[in-house]
Amino acid sequence: MVTNTAAEQNRLVDYYVGRYIDKFGKRPKFNRNKGTWTFKVMLYDYEEKQIIALLDYYIDHYKESAHDLDWFGYHYDDVEEAFQNYTEESENIIALRKKSEVRAAEWRARVERIKGNSSNPE
């Protein structure tokens, strides 16, 4: 069931403003009414926590000049695609690191066995 209240919309606008201030040390210049409309539309397709994740990614990974809420409202589908790619890449990197750790441990064990065998002539 879709919930889409003014309180949710305003919470998201406030979250955007707070993150922007935290990141850049100044308030963003935007029309708050347009911002609430942006989030009203998004709330039909996304949960509030998903929108917050997209906002976090947007603010952390896009240039400051691109942190316009109007731009985000028109391109949040592009931001979501980039976010999904980033998430998949991050998961792949974590999996590769785990495989590398296992291989390194196996290699160290093999080296230790070789050292142990070469120091004990039979």
PDB file of N, CA and C in Angstrom:
ATOM      1  N   MET A   1       0.845  -1.180   0.000  1.00  0.00           N
ATOM      2  CA  MET A   1       0.000   0.000   0.000  1.00  0.00           C
ATOM      3  C   MET A   1       0.889   1.242   0.000  1.00  0.00           C
ATOM      4  N   VAL A   2       0.564   2.161  -0.863  1.00  0.00           N
ATOM      5  CA  VAL A   2       1.344   3.381  -0.984  1.00  0.00           C
ATOM      6  C   VAL A   2       0.868   4.393   0.038  1.00  0.00           C
ATOM      7  N   THR A   3       1.806   4.850   0.840  1.00  0.00           N
ATOM      8  CA  THR A   3       1.495   5.972   1.723  1.00  0.00           C
ATOM      9  C   THR A   3       2.230   7.170   1.166  1.00  0.00           C
ATOM     10  N   ASN A   4       1.569   8.285   1.144  1.00  0.00           N
ATOM     11  CA  ASN A   4       2.167   9.467   0.539  1.00  0.00           C
ATOM     12  C   ASN A   4       1.606  10.687   1.254  1.00  0.00           C
ATOM     13  N   THR A   5       2.178  10.992   2.396  1.00  0.00           N
ATOM     14  CA  THR A   5       1.654  12.092   3.196  1.00  0.00           C
ATOM     15  C   THR A   5       2.568  13.308   3.107  1.00  0.00           C
ATOM     16  N   ALA A   6       2.011  14.439   3.449  1.00  0.00           N
ATOM     17  CA  ALA A   6       2.803  15.671   3.465  1.00  0.00           C
ATOM     18  C   ALA A   6       3.948  15.550   4.464  1.00  0.00           C
ATOM     19  N   ALA A   7       3.724  14.827   5.557  1.00  0.00           N
ATOM     20  CA  ALA A   7       4.781  14.652   6.560  1.00  0.00           C
ATOM     21  C   ALA A   7       5.964  13.895   5.970  1.00  0.00           C
ATOM     22  N   GLU A   8       5.692  12.839   5.192  1.00  0.00           N
ATOM     23  CA  GLU A   8       6.772  12.086   4.547  1.00  0.00           C
ATOM     24  C   GLU A   8       7.524  12.971   3.554  1.00  0.00           C
ATOM     25  N   GLN A   9       6.782  13.698   2.768  1.00  0.00           N
ATOM     26  CA  GLN A   9       7.398  14.573   1.773  1.00  0.00           C
ATOM     27  C   GLN A   9       8.289  15.616   2.443  1.00  0.00           C
ATOM     28  N   ASN A  10       7.792  16.234   3.501  1.00  0.00           N
ATOM     29  CA  ASN A  10       8.573  17.247   4.212  1.00  0.00           C
ATOM     30  C   ASN A  10       9.780  16.640   4.914  1.00  0.00           C
ATOM     31  N   ARG A  11       9.637  15.414   5.437  1.00  0.00           N
ATOM     32  CA  ARG A  11      10.778  14.729   6.053  1.00  0.00           C
ATOM     33  C   ARG A  11      11.890  14.527   5.029  1.00  0.00           C
ATOM     34  N   LEU A  12      11.515  14.145   3.820  1.00  0.00           N
ATOM     35  CA  LEU A  12      12.503  13.927   2.769  1.00  0.00           C
ATOM     36  C   LEU A  12      13.166  15.237   2.338  1.00  0.00           C
ATOM     37  N   VAL A  13      12.392  16.301   2.251  1.00  0.00           N
ATOM     38  CA  VAL A  13      12.976  17.609   1.925  1.00  0.00           C
ATOM     39  C   VAL A  13      13.944  18.021   3.023  1.00  0.00           C
ATOM     40  N   ASP A  14      13.534  17.855   4.275  1.00  0.00           N
ATOM     41  CA  ASP A  14      14.415  18.197   5.396  1.00  0.00           C
ATOM     42  C   ASP A  14      15.679  17.338   5.387  1.00  0.00           C
ATOM     43  N   TYR A  15      15.535  16.065   5.051  1.00  0.00           N
ATOM     44  CA  TYR A  15      16.695  15.177   4.981  1.00  0.00           C
ATOM     45  C   TYR A  15      17.663  15.665   3.903  1.00  0.00           C
ATOM     46  N   TYR A  16      17.128  16.015   2.743  1.00  0.00           N
ATOM     47  CA  TYR A  16      17.960  16.541   1.653  1.00  0.00           C
ATOM     48  C   TYR A  16      18.704  17.794   2.103  1.00  0.00           C
ATOM     49  N   VAL A  17      18.008  18.712   2.723  1.00  0.00           N
ATOM     50  CA  VAL A  17      18.636  19.955   3.185  1.00  0.00           C
ATOM     51  C   VAL A  17      19.733  19.648   4.200  1.00  0.00           C
ATOM     52  N   GLY A  18      19.446  18.757   5.153  1.00  0.00           N
ATOM     53  CA  GLY A  18      20.432  18.403   6.172  1.00  0.00           C
ATOM     54  C   GLY A  18      21.676  17.758   5.586  1.00  0.00           C
ATOM     55  N   ARG A  19      21.483  16.819   4.655  1.00  0.00           N
ATOM     56  CA  ARG A  19      22.640  16.170   4.012  1.00  0.00           C
ATOM     57  C   ARG A  19      23.450  17.162   3.193  1.00  0.00           C
ATOM     58  N   TYR A  20      22.763  18.068   2.530  1.00  0.00           N
ATOM     59  CA  TYR A  20      23.446  19.075   1.713  1.00  0.00           C
ATOM     60  C   TYR A  20      24.300  19.975   2.613  1.00  0.00           C
ATOM     61  N   ILE A  21      23.721  20.413   3.713  1.00  0.00           N
ATOM     62  CA  ILE A  21      24.464  21.261   4.654  1.00  0.00           C
ATOM     63  C   ILE A  21      25.656  20.507   5.223  1.00  0.00           C
ATOM     64  N   ASP A  22      25.461  19.244   5.594  1.00  0.00           N
ATOM     65  CA  ASP A  22      26.566  18.436   6.123  1.00  0.00           C
ATOM     66  C   ASP A  22      27.701  18.310   5.111  1.00  0.00           C
ATOM     67  N   LYS A  23      27.354  18.129   3.851  1.00  0.00           N
ATOM     68  CA  LYS A  23      28.358  17.887   2.808  1.00  0.00           C
ATOM     69  C   LYS A  23      29.057  19.175   2.363  1.00  0.00           C
ATOM     70  N   PHE A  24      28.295  20.265   2.208  1.00  0.00           N
ATOM     71  CA  PHE A  24      28.847  21.477   1.602  1.00  0.00           C
ATOM     72  C   PHE A  24      28.909  22.682   2.525  1.00  0.00           C
ATOM     73  N   GLY A  25      28.358  22.562   3.715  1.00  0.00           N
ATOM     74  CA  GLY A  25      28.435  23.654   4.683  1.00  0.00           C
ATOM     75  C   GLY A  25      27.555  24.849   4.371  1.00  0.00           C
ATOM     76  N   LYS A  26      26.588  24.680   3.508  1.00  0.00           N
ATOM     77  CA  LYS A  26      25.657  25.767   3.188  1.00  0.00           C
ATOM     78  C   LYS A  26      24.320  25.172   2.799  1.00  0.00           C
ATOM     79  N   ARG A  27      23.292  26.000   2.890  1.00  0.00           N
ATOM     80  CA  ARG A  27      21.946  25.538   2.526  1.00  0.00           C
ATOM     81  C   ARG A  27      21.794  25.517   1.010  1.00  0.00           C
ATOM     82  N   PRO A  28      21.094  24.523   0.498  1.00  0.00           N
ATOM     83  CA  PRO A  28      20.850  24.513  -0.945  1.00  0.00           C
ATOM     84  C   PRO A  28      19.804  25.563  -1.317  1.00  0.00           C
ATOM     85  N   LYS A  29      19.905  26.063  -2.531  1.00  0.00           N
ATOM     86  CA  LYS A  29      18.913  27.022  -3.025  1.00  0.00           C
ATOM     87  C   LYS A  29      17.941  26.254  -3.911  1.00  0.00           C
ATOM     88  N   PHE A  30      16.722  26.144  -3.464  1.00  0.00           N
ATOM     89  CA  PHE A  30      15.710  25.420  -4.223  1.00  0.00           C
ATOM     90  C   PHE A  30      14.341  25.846  -3.730  1.00  0.00           C
ATOM     91  N   ASN A  31      13.329  25.533  -4.514  1.00  0.00           N
ATOM     92  CA  ASN A  31      11.947  25.822  -4.169  1.00  0.00           C
ATOM     93  C   ASN A  31      11.403  24.641  -3.370  1.00  0.00           C
ATOM     94  N   ARG A  32      11.085  24.877  -2.112  1.00  0.00           N
ATOM     95  CA  ARG A  32      10.640  23.789  -1.231  1.00  0.00           C
ATOM     96  C   ARG A  32       9.360  23.134  -1.744  1.00  0.00           C
ATOM     97  N   ASN A  33       8.461  23.923  -2.334  1.00  0.00           N
ATOM     98  CA  ASN A  33       7.228  23.342  -2.864  1.00  0.00           C
ATOM     99  C   ASN A  33       7.527  22.377  -4.005  1.00  0.00           C
ATOM    100  N   LYS A  34       8.454  22.741  -4.891  1.00  0.00           N
ATOM    101  CA  LYS A  34       8.831  21.832  -5.970  1.00  0.00           C
ATOM    102  C   LYS A  34       9.487  20.577  -5.394  1.00  0.00           C
ATOM    103  N   GLY A  35      10.244  20.757  -4.318  1.00  0.00           N
ATOM    104  CA  GLY A  35      10.876  19.609  -3.664  1.00  0.00           C
ATOM    105  C   GLY A  35       9.851  18.633  -3.114  1.00  0.00           C
ATOM    106  N   THR A  36       8.798  19.153  -2.493  1.00  0.00           N
ATOM    107  CA  THR A  36       7.761  18.256  -1.962  1.00  0.00           C
ATOM    108  C   THR A  36       7.048  17.540  -3.096  1.00  0.00           C
ATOM    109  N   TRP A  37       6.871  18.200  -4.231  1.00  0.00           N
ATOM    110  CA  TRP A  37       6.248  17.539  -5.388  1.00  0.00           C
ATOM    111  C   TRP A  37       7.163  16.442  -5.924  1.00  0.00           C
ATOM    112  N   THR A  38       8.458  16.713  -5.947  1.00  0.00           N
ATOM    113  CA  THR A  38       9.418  15.683  -6.378  1.00  0.00           C
ATOM    114  C   THR A  38       9.251  14.433  -5.536  1.00  0.00           C
ATOM    115  N   PHE A  39       9.213  14.614  -4.229  1.00  0.00           N
ATOM    116  CA  PHE A  39       9.116  13.459  -3.341  1.00  0.00           C
ATOM    117  C   PHE A  39       7.723  12.845  -3.343  1.00  0.00           C
ATOM    118  N   LYS A  40       6.699  13.655  -3.603  1.00  0.00           N
ATOM    119  CA  LYS A  40       5.351  13.105  -3.708  1.00  0.00           C
ATOM    120  C   LYS A  40       5.298  12.103  -4.854  1.00  0.00           C
ATOM    121  N   VAL A  41       5.874  12.457  -5.992  1.00  0.00           N
ATOM    122  CA  VAL A  41       5.887  11.566  -7.149  1.00  0.00           C
ATOM    123  C   VAL A  41       6.729  10.329  -6.850  1.00  0.00           C
ATOM    124  N   MET A  42       7.889  10.521  -6.240  1.00  0.00           N
ATOM    125  CA  MET A  42       8.770   9.391  -5.959  1.00  0.00           C
ATOM    126  C   MET A  42       8.142   8.406  -4.976  1.00  0.00           C
ATOM    127  N   LEU A  43       7.367   8.904  -4.036  1.00  0.00           N
ATOM    128  CA  LEU A  43       6.770   8.038  -3.023  1.00  0.00           C
ATOM    129  C   LEU A  43       5.734   7.069  -3.601  1.00  0.00           C
ATOM    130  N   TYR A  44       5.288   7.304  -4.816  1.00  0.00           N
ATOM    131  CA  TYR A  44       4.393   6.342  -5.460  1.00  0.00           C
ATOM    132  C   TYR A  44       5.159   5.089  -5.886  1.00  0.00           C
ATOM    133  N   ASP A  45       6.451   5.247  -6.161  1.00  0.00           N
ATOM    134  CA  ASP A  45       7.256   4.136  -6.675  1.00  0.00           C
ATOM    135  C   ASP A  45       8.256   3.575  -5.673  1.00  0.00           C
ATOM    136  N   TYR A  46       8.638   4.355  -4.685  1.00  0.00           N
ATOM    137  CA  TYR A  46       9.695   3.959  -3.761  1.00  0.00           C
ATOM    138  C   TYR A  46       9.238   4.142  -2.326  1.00  0.00           C
ATOM    139  N   GLU A  47       9.844   3.370  -1.444  1.00  0.00           N
ATOM    140  CA  GLU A  47       9.643   3.592  -0.013  1.00  0.00           C
ATOM    141  C   GLU A  47      10.562   4.731   0.427  1.00  0.00           C
ATOM    142  N   GLU A  48      10.253   5.297   1.562  1.00  0.00           N
ATOM    143  CA  GLU A  48      11.031   6.430   2.070  1.00  0.00           C
ATOM    144  C   GLU A  48      12.508   6.063   2.249  1.00  0.00           C
ATOM    145  N   LYS A  49      12.779   4.867   2.759  1.00  0.00           N
ATOM    146  CA  LYS A  49      14.169   4.470   2.982  1.00  0.00           C
ATOM    147  C   LYS A  49      14.917   4.312   1.664  1.00  0.00           C
ATOM    148  N   GLN A  50      14.230   3.903   0.595  1.00  0.00           N
ATOM    149  CA  GLN A  50      14.866   3.796  -0.715  1.00  0.00           C
ATOM    150  C   GLN A  50      15.219   5.188  -1.258  1.00  0.00           C
ATOM    151  N   ILE A  51      14.330   6.133  -1.049  1.00  0.00           N
ATOM    152  CA  ILE A  51      14.590   7.501  -1.497  1.00  0.00           C
ATOM    153  C   ILE A  51      15.774   8.085  -0.732  1.00  0.00           C
ATOM    154  N   ILE A  52      15.842   7.812   0.556  1.00  0.00           N
ATOM    155  CA  ILE A  52      16.961   8.294   1.360  1.00  0.00           C
ATOM    156  C   ILE A  52      18.268   7.697   0.856  1.00  0.00           C
ATOM    157  N   ALA A  53      18.261   6.408   0.502  1.00  0.00           N
ATOM    158  CA  ALA A  53      19.472   5.773  -0.038  1.00  0.00           C
ATOM    159  C   ALA A  53      19.875   6.428  -1.356  1.00  0.00           C
ATOM    160  N   LEU A  54      18.908   6.739  -2.214  1.00  0.00           N
ATOM    161  CA  LEU A  54      19.210   7.420  -3.476  1.00  0.00           C
ATOM    162  C   LEU A  54      19.755   8.827  -3.231  1.00  0.00           C
ATOM    163  N   LEU A  55      19.162   9.544  -2.271  1.00  0.00           N
ATOM    164  CA  LEU A  55      19.665  10.882  -1.942  1.00  0.00           C
ATOM    165  C   LEU A  55      21.097  10.822  -1.418  1.00  0.00           C
ATOM    166  N   ASP A  56      21.376   9.847  -0.558  1.00  0.00           N
ATOM    167  CA  ASP A  56      22.734   9.691  -0.029  1.00  0.00           C
ATOM    168  C   ASP A  56      23.725   9.444  -1.162  1.00  0.00           C
ATOM    169  N   TYR A  57      23.360   8.533  -2.062  1.00  0.00           N
ATOM    170  CA  TYR A  57      24.240   8.236  -3.191  1.00  0.00           C
ATOM    171  C   TYR A  57      24.417   9.482  -4.063  1.00  0.00           C
ATOM    172  N   TYR A  58      23.341  10.173  -4.335  1.00  0.00           N
ATOM    173  CA  TYR A  58      23.364  11.382  -5.171  1.00  0.00           C
ATOM    174  C   TYR A  58      24.295  12.441  -4.590  1.00  0.00           C
ATOM    175  N   ILE A  59      24.164  12.703  -3.321  1.00  0.00           N
ATOM    176  CA  ILE A  59      24.981  13.742  -2.690  1.00  0.00           C
ATOM    177  C   ILE A  59      26.436  13.299  -2.562  1.00  0.00           C
ATOM    178  N   ASP A  60      26.668  12.031  -2.288  1.00  0.00           N
ATOM    179  CA  ASP A  60      28.036  11.548  -2.102  1.00  0.00           C
ATOM    180  C   ASP A  60      28.806  11.335  -3.403  1.00  0.00           C
ATOM    181  N   HIS A  61      28.117  11.081  -4.510  1.00  0.00           N
ATOM    182  CA  HIS A  61      28.804  10.685  -5.732  1.00  0.00           C
ATOM    183  C   HIS A  61      28.660  11.637  -6.914  1.00  0.00           C
ATOM    184  N   TYR A  62      27.856  12.641  -6.817  1.00  0.00           N
ATOM    185  CA  TYR A  62      27.704  13.587  -7.911  1.00  0.00           C
ATOM    186  C   TYR A  62      28.388  14.894  -7.545  1.00  0.00           C
ATOM    187  N   LYS A  63      28.823  15.639  -8.557  1.00  0.00           N
ATOM    188  CA  LYS A  63      29.499  16.914  -8.321  1.00  0.00           C
ATOM    189  C   LYS A  63      28.554  17.880  -7.621  1.00  0.00           C
ATOM    190  N   GLU A  64      29.147  18.841  -6.887  1.00  0.00           N
ATOM    191  CA  GLU A  64      28.322  19.792  -6.139  1.00  0.00           C
ATOM    192  C   GLU A  64      27.358  20.533  -7.060  1.00  0.00           C
ATOM    193  N   SER A  65      27.814  20.888  -8.249  1.00  0.00           N
ATOM    194  CA  SER A  65      26.949  21.639  -9.157  1.00  0.00           C
ATOM    195  C   SER A  65      25.746  20.815  -9.601  1.00  0.00           C
ATOM    196  N   ALA A  66      25.852  19.508  -9.467  1.00  0.00           N
ATOM    197  CA  ALA A  66      24.751  18.630  -9.883  1.00  0.00           C
ATOM    198  C   ALA A  66      23.780  18.339  -8.740  1.00  0.00           C
ATOM    199  N   HIS A  67      24.015  18.883  -7.570  1.00  0.00           N
ATOM    200  CA  HIS A  67      23.180  18.538  -6.425  1.00  0.00           C
ATOM    201  C   HIS A  67      21.907  19.359  -6.349  1.00  0.00           C
ATOM    202  N   ASP A  68      21.377  19.672  -7.480  1.00  0.00           N
ATOM    203  CA  ASP A  68      20.136  20.420  -7.587  1.00  0.00           C
ATOM    204  C   ASP A  68      18.968  19.448  -7.403  1.00  0.00           C
ATOM    205  N   LEU A  69      18.051  19.778  -6.530  1.00  0.00           N
ATOM    206  CA  LEU A  69      16.925  18.883  -6.278  1.00  0.00           C
ATOM    207  C   LEU A  69      16.020  18.773  -7.498  1.00  0.00           C
ATOM    208  N   ASP A  70      15.920  19.848  -8.282  1.00  0.00           N
ATOM    209  CA  ASP A  70      15.129  19.775  -9.518  1.00  0.00           C
ATOM    210  C   ASP A  70      15.726  18.743 -10.466  1.00  0.00           C
ATOM    211  N   TRP A  71      17.054  18.763 -10.616  1.00  0.00           N
ATOM    212  CA  TRP A  71      17.717  17.805 -11.491  1.00  0.00           C
ATOM    213  C   TRP A  71      17.460  16.394 -10.982  1.00  0.00           C
ATOM    214  N   PHE A  72      17.600  16.212  -9.681  1.00  0.00           N
ATOM    215  CA  PHE A  72      17.350  14.903  -9.077  1.00  0.00           C
ATOM    216  C   PHE A  72      15.930  14.440  -9.375  1.00  0.00           C
ATOM    217  N   GLY A  73      14.968  15.347  -9.278  1.00  0.00           N
ATOM    218  CA  GLY A  73      13.569  14.991  -9.529  1.00  0.00           C
ATOM    219  C   GLY A  73      13.327  14.507 -10.940  1.00  0.00           C
ATOM    220  N   TYR A  74      14.033  15.094 -11.895  1.00  0.00           N
ATOM    221  CA  TYR A  74      13.853  14.689 -13.290  1.00  0.00           C
ATOM    222  C   TYR A  74      14.711  13.486 -13.682  1.00  0.00           C
ATOM    223  N   HIS A  75      15.748  13.188 -12.910  1.00  0.00           N
ATOM    224  CA  HIS A  75      16.691  12.135 -13.290  1.00  0.00           C
ATOM    225  C   HIS A  75      16.898  11.068 -12.215  1.00  0.00           C
ATOM    226  N   TYR A  76      15.975  10.942 -11.284  1.00  0.00           N
ATOM    227  CA  TYR A  76      16.198   9.962 -10.214  1.00  0.00           C
ATOM    228  C   TYR A  76      16.260   8.541 -10.750  1.00  0.00           C
ATOM    229  N   ASP A  77      15.670   8.292 -11.904  1.00  0.00           N
ATOM    230  CA  ASP A  77      15.794   6.961 -12.496  1.00  0.00           C
ATOM    231  C   ASP A  77      17.238   6.698 -12.940  1.00  0.00           C
ATOM    232  N   ASP A  78      17.916   7.733 -13.463  1.00  0.00           N
ATOM    233  CA  ASP A  78      19.328   7.595 -13.822  1.00  0.00           C
ATOM    234  C   ASP A  78      20.191   7.401 -12.576  1.00  0.00           C
ATOM    235  N   VAL A  79      19.859   8.145 -11.522  1.00  0.00           N
ATOM    236  CA  VAL A  79      20.590   8.009 -10.265  1.00  0.00           C
ATOM    237  C   VAL A  79      20.393   6.602  -9.702  1.00  0.00           C
ATOM    238  N   GLU A  80      19.173   6.080  -9.803  1.00  0.00           N
ATOM    239  CA  GLU A  80      18.920   4.728  -9.306  1.00  0.00           C
ATOM    240  C   GLU A  80      19.728   3.700 -10.091  1.00  0.00           C
ATOM    241  N   GLU A  81      19.811   3.858 -11.398  1.00  0.00           N
ATOM    242  CA  GLU A  81      20.595   2.929 -12.214  1.00  0.00           C
ATOM    243  C   GLU A  81      22.070   2.977 -11.825  1.00  0.00           C
ATOM    244  N   ALA A  82      22.602   4.186 -11.640  1.00  0.00           N
ATOM    245  CA  ALA A  82      23.997   4.325 -11.222  1.00  0.00           C
ATOM    246  C   ALA A  82      24.199   3.726  -9.832  1.00  0.00           C
ATOM    247  N   PHE A  83      23.231   3.928  -8.954  1.00  0.00           N
ATOM    248  CA  PHE A  83      23.295   3.379  -7.598  1.00  0.00           C
ATOM    249  C   PHE A  83      23.305   1.847  -7.644  1.00  0.00           C
ATOM    250  N   GLN A  84      22.460   1.250  -8.481  1.00  0.00           N
ATOM    251  CA  GLN A  84      22.416  -0.201  -8.613  1.00  0.00           C
ATOM    252  C   GLN A  84      23.745  -0.739  -9.134  1.00  0.00           C
ATOM    253  N   ASN A  85      24.305  -0.071 -10.138  1.00  0.00           N
ATOM    254  CA  ASN A  85      25.610  -0.482 -10.676  1.00  0.00           C
ATOM    255  C   ASN A  85      26.692  -0.388  -9.606  1.00  0.00           C
ATOM    256  N   TYR A  86      26.668   0.695  -8.845  1.00  0.00           N
ATOM    257  CA  TYR A  86      27.643   0.895  -7.772  1.00  0.00           C
ATOM    258  C   TYR A  86      27.504  -0.204  -6.717  1.00  0.00           C
ATOM    259  N   THR A  87      26.276  -0.534  -6.355  1.00  0.00           N
ATOM    260  CA  THR A  87      26.022  -1.570  -5.355  1.00  0.00           C
ATOM    261  C   THR A  87      26.520  -2.924  -5.847  1.00  0.00           C
ATOM    262  N   GLU A  88      26.229  -3.251  -7.109  1.00  0.00           N
ATOM    263  CA  GLU A  88      26.692  -4.521  -7.676  1.00  0.00           C
ATOM    264  C   GLU A  88      28.215  -4.574  -7.718  1.00  0.00           C
ATOM    265  N   GLU A  89      28.838  -3.472  -8.123  1.00  0.00           N
ATOM    266  CA  GLU A  89      30.302  -3.428  -8.168  1.00  0.00           C
ATOM    267  C   GLU A  89      30.880  -3.598  -6.766  1.00  0.00           C
ATOM    268  N   SER A  90      30.267  -2.951  -5.784  1.00  0.00           N
ATOM    269  CA  SER A  90      30.744  -3.072  -4.409  1.00  0.00           C
ATOM    270  C   SER A  90      30.647  -4.516  -3.927  1.00  0.00           C
ATOM    271  N   GLU A  91      29.544  -5.172  -4.244  1.00  0.00           N
ATOM    272  CA  GLU A  91      29.380  -6.574  -3.847  1.00  0.00           C
ATOM    273  C   GLU A  91      30.415  -7.455  -4.542  1.00  0.00           C
ATOM    274  N   ASN A  92      30.676  -7.179  -5.825  1.00  0.00           N
ATOM    275  CA  ASN A  92      31.688  -7.944  -6.557  1.00  0.00           C
ATOM    276  C   ASN A  92      33.074  -7.739  -5.960  1.00  0.00           C
ATOM    277  N   ILE A  93      33.382  -6.512  -5.576  1.00  0.00           N
ATOM    278  CA  ILE A  93      34.681  -6.214  -4.976  1.00  0.00           C
ATOM    279  C   ILE A  93      34.835  -6.958  -3.655  1.00  0.00           C
ATOM    280  N   ILE A  94      33.790  -6.983  -2.851  1.00  0.00           N
ATOM    281  CA  ILE A  94      33.835  -7.704  -1.572  1.00  0.00           C
ATOM    282  C   ILE A  94      34.069  -9.195  -1.816  1.00  0.00           C
ATOM    283  N   ALA A  95      33.362  -9.761  -2.799  1.00  0.00           N
ATOM    284  CA  ALA A  95      33.534 -11.182  -3.110  1.00  0.00           C
ATOM    285  C   ALA A  95      34.952 -11.462  -3.602  1.00  0.00           C
ATOM    286  N   LEU A  96      35.490 -10.580  -4.448  1.00  0.00           N
ATOM    287  CA  LEU A  96      36.857 -10.763  -4.934  1.00  0.00           C
ATOM    288  C   LEU A  96      37.874 -10.666  -3.804  1.00  0.00           C
ATOM    289  N   ARG A  97      37.655  -9.768  -2.875  1.00  0.00           N
ATOM    290  CA  ARG A  97      38.566  -9.645  -1.731  1.00  0.00           C
ATOM    291  C   ARG A  97      38.558 -10.916  -0.892  1.00  0.00           C
ATOM    292  N   LYS A  98      37.368 -11.486  -0.682  1.00  0.00           N
ATOM    293  CA  LYS A  98      37.290 -12.732   0.087  1.00  0.00           C
ATOM    294  C   LYS A  98      38.028 -13.855  -0.628  1.00  0.00           C
ATOM    295  N   LYS A  99      37.835 -13.955  -1.947  1.00  0.00           N
ATOM    296  CA  LYS A  99      38.546 -14.982  -2.712  1.00  0.00           C
ATOM    297  C   LYS A  99      40.047 -14.756  -2.639  1.00  0.00           C
ATOM    298  N   SER A 100      40.467 -13.501  -2.722  1.00  0.00           N
ATOM    299  CA  SER A 100      41.897 -13.188  -2.648  1.00  0.00           C
ATOM    300  C   SER A 100      42.473 -13.556  -1.292  1.00  0.00           C
ATOM    301  N   GLU A 101      41.720 -13.302  -0.223  1.00  0.00           N
ATOM    302  CA  GLU A 101      42.185 -13.662   1.119  1.00  0.00           C
ATOM    303  C   GLU A 101      42.374 -15.179   1.234  1.00  0.00           C
ATOM    304  N   VAL A 102      41.435 -15.943   0.697  1.00  0.00           N
ATOM    305  CA  VAL A 102      41.530 -17.407   0.744  1.00  0.00           C
ATOM    306  C   VAL A 102      42.744 -17.868  -0.056  1.00  0.00           C
ATOM    307  N   ARG A 103      42.903 -17.329  -1.249  1.00  0.00           N
ATOM    308  CA  ARG A 103      44.045 -17.719  -2.084  1.00  0.00           C
ATOM    309  C   ARG A 103      45.373 -17.335  -1.434  1.00  0.00           C
ATOM    310  N   ALA A 104      45.423 -16.164  -0.820  1.00  0.00           N
ATOM    311  CA  ALA A 104      46.654 -15.739  -0.149  1.00  0.00           C
ATOM    312  C   ALA A 104      46.977 -16.669   1.023  1.00  0.00           C
ATOM    313  N   ALA A 105      45.952 -17.055   1.778  1.00  0.00           N
ATOM    314  CA  ALA A 105      46.174 -17.981   2.896  1.00  0.00           C
ATOM    315  C   ALA A 105      46.671 -19.334   2.383  1.00  0.00           C
ATOM    316  N   GLU A 106      46.080 -19.811   1.285  1.00  0.00           N
ATOM    317  CA  GLU A 106      46.534 -21.075   0.701  1.00  0.00           C
ATOM    318  C   GLU A 106      47.986 -20.960   0.225  1.00  0.00           C
ATOM    319  N   TRP A 107      48.320 -19.860  -0.395  1.00  0.00           N
ATOM    320  CA  TRP A 107      49.679 -19.644  -0.890  1.00  0.00           C
ATOM    321  C   TRP A 107      50.672 -19.596   0.267  1.00  0.00           C
ATOM    322  N   ARG A 108      50.311 -18.872   1.348  1.00  0.00           N
ATOM    323  CA  ARG A 108      51.186 -18.798   2.522  1.00  0.00           C
ATOM    324  C   ARG A 108      51.403 -20.179   3.130  1.00  0.00           C
ATOM    325  N   ALA A 109      50.344 -20.957   3.194  1.00  0.00           N
ATOM    326  CA  ALA A 109      50.464 -22.314   3.743  1.00  0.00           C
ATOM    327  C   ALA A 109      51.365 -23.168   2.855  1.00  0.00           C
ATOM    328  N   ARG A 110      51.232 -23.042   1.547  1.00  0.00           N
ATOM    329  CA  ARG A 110      52.073 -23.801   0.617  1.00  0.00           C
ATOM    330  C   ARG A 110      53.531 -23.383   0.759  1.00  0.00           C
ATOM    331  N   VAL A 111      53.783 -22.084   0.881  1.00  0.00           N
ATOM    332  CA  VAL A 111      55.153 -21.594   1.053  1.00  0.00           C
ATOM    333  C   VAL A 111      55.741 -22.126   2.350  1.00  0.00           C
ATOM    334  N   GLU A 112      54.953 -22.115   3.412  1.00  0.00           N
ATOM    335  CA  GLU A 112      55.436 -22.634   4.697  1.00  0.00           C
ATOM    336  C   GLU A 112      55.748 -24.126   4.597  1.00  0.00           C
ATOM    337  N   ARG A 113      54.926 -24.891   3.879  1.00  0.00           N
ATOM    338  CA  ARG A 113      55.202 -26.327   3.686  1.00  0.00           C
ATOM    339  C   ARG A 113      56.493 -26.529   2.915  1.00  0.00           C
ATOM    340  N   ILE A 114      56.690 -25.719   1.879  1.00  0.00           N
ATOM    341  CA  ILE A 114      57.913 -25.834   1.074  1.00  0.00           C
ATOM    342  C   ILE A 114      59.128 -25.483   1.912  1.00  0.00           C
ATOM    343  N   LYS A 115      59.035 -24.416   2.689  1.00  0.00           N
ATOM    344  CA  LYS A 115      60.151 -24.024   3.569  1.00  0.00           C
ATOM    345  C   LYS A 115      60.434 -25.123   4.586  1.00  0.00           C
ATOM    346  N   GLY A 116      59.377 -25.694   5.143  1.00  0.00           N
ATOM    347  CA  GLY A 116      59.536 -26.755   6.120  1.00  0.00           C
ATOM    348  C   GLY A 116      60.192 -27.990   5.527  1.00  0.00           C
ATOM    349  N   ASN A 117      59.828 -28.344   4.313  1.00  0.00           N
ATOM    350  CA  ASN A 117      60.412 -29.512   3.636  1.00  0.00           C
ATOM    351  C   ASN A 117      61.852 -29.271   3.225  1.00  0.00           C
ATOM    352  N   SER A 118      62.211 -28.072   2.817  1.00  0.00           N
ATOM    353  CA  SER A 118      63.574 -27.809   2.358  1.00  0.00           C
ATOM    354  C   SER A 118      64.551 -27.675   3.529  1.00  0.00           C
ATOM    355  N   SER A 119      64.072 -27.319   4.722  1.00  0.00           N
ATOM    356  CA  SER A 119      64.986 -27.202   5.855  1.00  0.00           C
ATOM    357  C   SER A 119      65.251 -28.554   6.534  1.00  0.00           C
ATOM    358  N   ASN A 120      64.437 -29.556   6.261  1.00  0.00           N
ATOM    359  CA  ASN A 120      64.613 -30.906   6.823  1.00  0.00           C
ATOM    360  C   ASN A 120      65.033 -31.874   5.710  1.00  0.00           C
ATOM    361  N   PRO A 121      66.333 -31.990   5.422  1.00  0.00           N
ATOM    362  CA  PRO A 121      66.734 -32.929   4.375  1.00  0.00           C
ATOM    363  C   PRO A 121      66.514 -34.361   4.858  1.00  0.00           C
ATOM    364  N   GLU A 122      65.948 -35.162   4.014  1.00  0.00           N
ATOM    365  CA  GLU A 122      65.652 -36.559   4.413  1.00  0.00           C
ATOM    366  C   GLU A 122      66.592 -37.514   3.822  1.00  0.00           C
TER     367      GLU A 122
END
